Amino acid sequence: MIIDDLLKKAKDNATTATADVSVDGTTVMKQGEYWSGIYKDGLSHGYGTYTYADKGMYKGSMFKGQKHGEGIMVYPNGHRYLGSWKNDLRDGEGTLVDERWTKIFRGAWFNDKESGPST
């Protein structure tokens, strides 16, 4: 339920912010990396899914080619981050869990680092 709510929020925010965007589809971004979603000025911009060459995957909001807003990142080691992003970095409220969904850290993030105590 939390994941569904987070993705709905990301999609709603991205759709509102990019209502004038008419390009939607899947494109190879770099060798072995794919973006499936909305584009603006040739960059991933809005809601979609980015698949990385190392098998990581991000699903959520993008802004001018960077993770920005709400989204979920699945890392190659199976860890997952669910929460806020700013300028391609974890920033704001978020939760990092391991491959078994055991909480590693839940709380505030700033510039891709844990900021404060875990809750």
Protein backbone atom coordinates (compact mmCIF):
# COMPACT_ATOMS: atom_id res chain seq x y z
CA MET A 1 0.00 0.00 0.00
CA ILE A 2 2.80 2.45 0.83
CA ILE A 3 4.51 1.74 -2.51
CA ASP A 4 1.25 2.23 -4.43
CA ASP A 5 0.60 5.54 -2.64
CA LEU A 6 4.16 6.73 -3.28
CA LEU A 7 4.00 5.87 -6.99
CA LYS A 8 0.56 7.48 -7.35
CA LYS A 9 1.89 10.66 -5.75
CA ALA A 10 4.93 10.63 -8.06
CA LYS A 11 2.76 10.06 -11.13
CA ASP A 12 0.20 12.73 -10.16
CA ASN A 13 2.92 15.32 -9.48
CA ALA A 14 4.84 14.48 -12.65
CA THR A 15 1.72 14.53 -14.82
CA THR A 16 0.68 17.92 -13.46
CA ALA A 17 4.16 19.36 -13.98
CA THR A 18 4.46 18.07 -17.55
CA ALA A 19 0.96 18.49 -18.93
CA ASP A 20 2.38 20.21 -22.04
CA VAL A 21 4.68 17.29 -22.85
CA SER A 22 3.53 15.13 -25.75
CA VAL A 23 6.43 12.69 -26.16
CA ASP A 24 6.02 9.38 -24.36
CA GLY A 25 7.81 6.12 -25.01
CA THR A 26 10.83 3.91 -24.38
CA THR A 27 14.29 4.95 -25.54
CA VAL A 28 17.81 3.66 -25.09
CA MET A 29 19.53 6.41 -23.09
CA LYS A 30 23.08 5.01 -22.90
CA GLN A 31 24.41 1.59 -23.74
CA GLY A 32 22.23 -0.82 -21.79
CA GLU A 33 20.14 1.89 -20.09
CA TYR A 34 16.50 2.57 -20.90
CA TRP A 35 13.92 5.23 -20.02
CA SER A 36 10.27 4.42 -20.41
CA GLY A 37 8.19 7.53 -19.80
CA ILE A 38 7.78 11.17 -20.65
CA TYR A 39 10.39 13.37 -22.36
CA LYS A 40 10.88 17.09 -22.52
CA ASP A 41 13.65 18.72 -24.54
CA GLY A 42 15.24 15.31 -25.14
CA LEU A 43 15.49 14.45 -21.42
CA SER A 44 13.52 12.13 -19.17
CA HIS A 45 11.05 14.51 -17.53
CA GLY A 46 7.95 13.37 -15.67
CA TYR A 47 6.87 9.95 -14.49
CA GLY A 48 8.47 6.77 -15.79
CA THR A 49 10.91 3.92 -15.28
CA TYR A 50 14.67 4.08 -15.79
CA THR A 51 16.53 0.78 -16.10
CA TYR A 52 20.30 0.94 -15.56
CA ALA A 53 22.97 -1.20 -17.25
CA ASP A 54 23.96 -2.62 -13.82
CA LYS A 55 20.36 -3.92 -13.45
CA GLY A 56 19.32 -1.19 -11.02
CA MET A 57 15.89 0.34 -11.64
CA TYR A 58 14.20 3.62 -10.71
CA LYS A 59 10.46 4.20 -10.94
CA GLY A 60 9.11 7.65 -10.23
CA SER A 61 9.47 11.33 -11.10
CA MET A 62 12.27 12.79 -13.19
CA PHE A 63 13.07 16.45 -13.81
CA LYS A 64 15.39 17.43 -16.65
CA GLY A 65 17.02 13.99 -16.71
CA GLN A 66 17.46 13.59 -12.95
CA LYS A 67 15.54 11.75 -10.24
CA HIS A 68 13.47 14.48 -8.59
CA GLY A 69 10.30 14.13 -6.52
CA GLU A 70 8.96 10.81 -5.26
CA GLY A 71 10.28 7.48 -6.46
CA ILE A 72 11.61 4.02 -5.75
CA MET A 73 15.16 2.92 -6.57
CA VAL A 74 16.03 -0.77 -6.63
CA TYR A 75 19.80 -1.19 -6.41
CA PRO A 76 21.71 -4.12 -7.99
CA ASN A 77 22.37 -5.60 -4.51
CA GLY A 78 18.60 -5.81 -3.89
CA HIS A 79 18.39 -2.84 -1.51
CA ARG A 80 15.55 -0.41 -2.14
CA TYR A 81 15.08 3.27 -1.40
CA LEU A 82 11.51 4.57 -1.27
CA GLY A 83 11.08 8.30 -0.88
CA SER A 84 12.05 11.78 -2.00
CA TRP A 85 14.74 12.77 -4.50
CA LYS A 86 16.28 16.10 -5.43
CA ASN A 87 18.78 16.67 -8.25
CA ASP A 88 19.41 12.90 -8.61
CA LEU A 89 20.16 12.49 -4.86
CA ARG A 90 18.13 11.04 -1.98
CA ASP A 91 16.81 14.13 -0.24
CA GLY A 92 13.82 14.50 2.08
CA GLU A 93 11.88 11.71 3.77
CA GLY A 94 12.74 8.19 2.72
CA THR A 95 13.28 4.59 3.71
CA LEU A 96 16.13 2.28 2.76
CA VAL A 97 15.47 -1.46 3.08
CA ASP A 98 17.51 -4.55 2.25
CA GLU A 99 16.56 -7.31 -0.20
CA ARG A 100 14.32 -8.91 2.48
CA TRP A 101 12.56 -5.57 3.12
CA THR A 102 14.25 -5.25 6.52
CA LYS A 103 14.59 -1.58 7.40
CA ILE A 104 18.11 -0.19 7.24
CA PHE A 105 17.21 3.50 7.69
CA ARG A 106 13.98 5.47 7.78
CA GLY A 107 13.98 9.22 8.19
CA ALA A 108 15.42 12.37 6.69
CA TRP A 109 18.00 12.39 3.91
CA PHE A 110 20.11 15.31 2.70
CA ASN A 111 22.40 15.24 -0.34
CA ASP A 112 22.22 11.42 -0.54
CA LYS A 113 23.19 10.90 3.13
CA GLU A 114 21.19 9.96 6.20
CA SER A 115 20.36 13.11 8.15
CA GLY A 116 19.37 12.49 11.74
CA PRO A 117 18.19 9.43 13.62
CA SER A 118 16.39 6.48 12.06
CA THR A 119 12.76 6.06 13.10
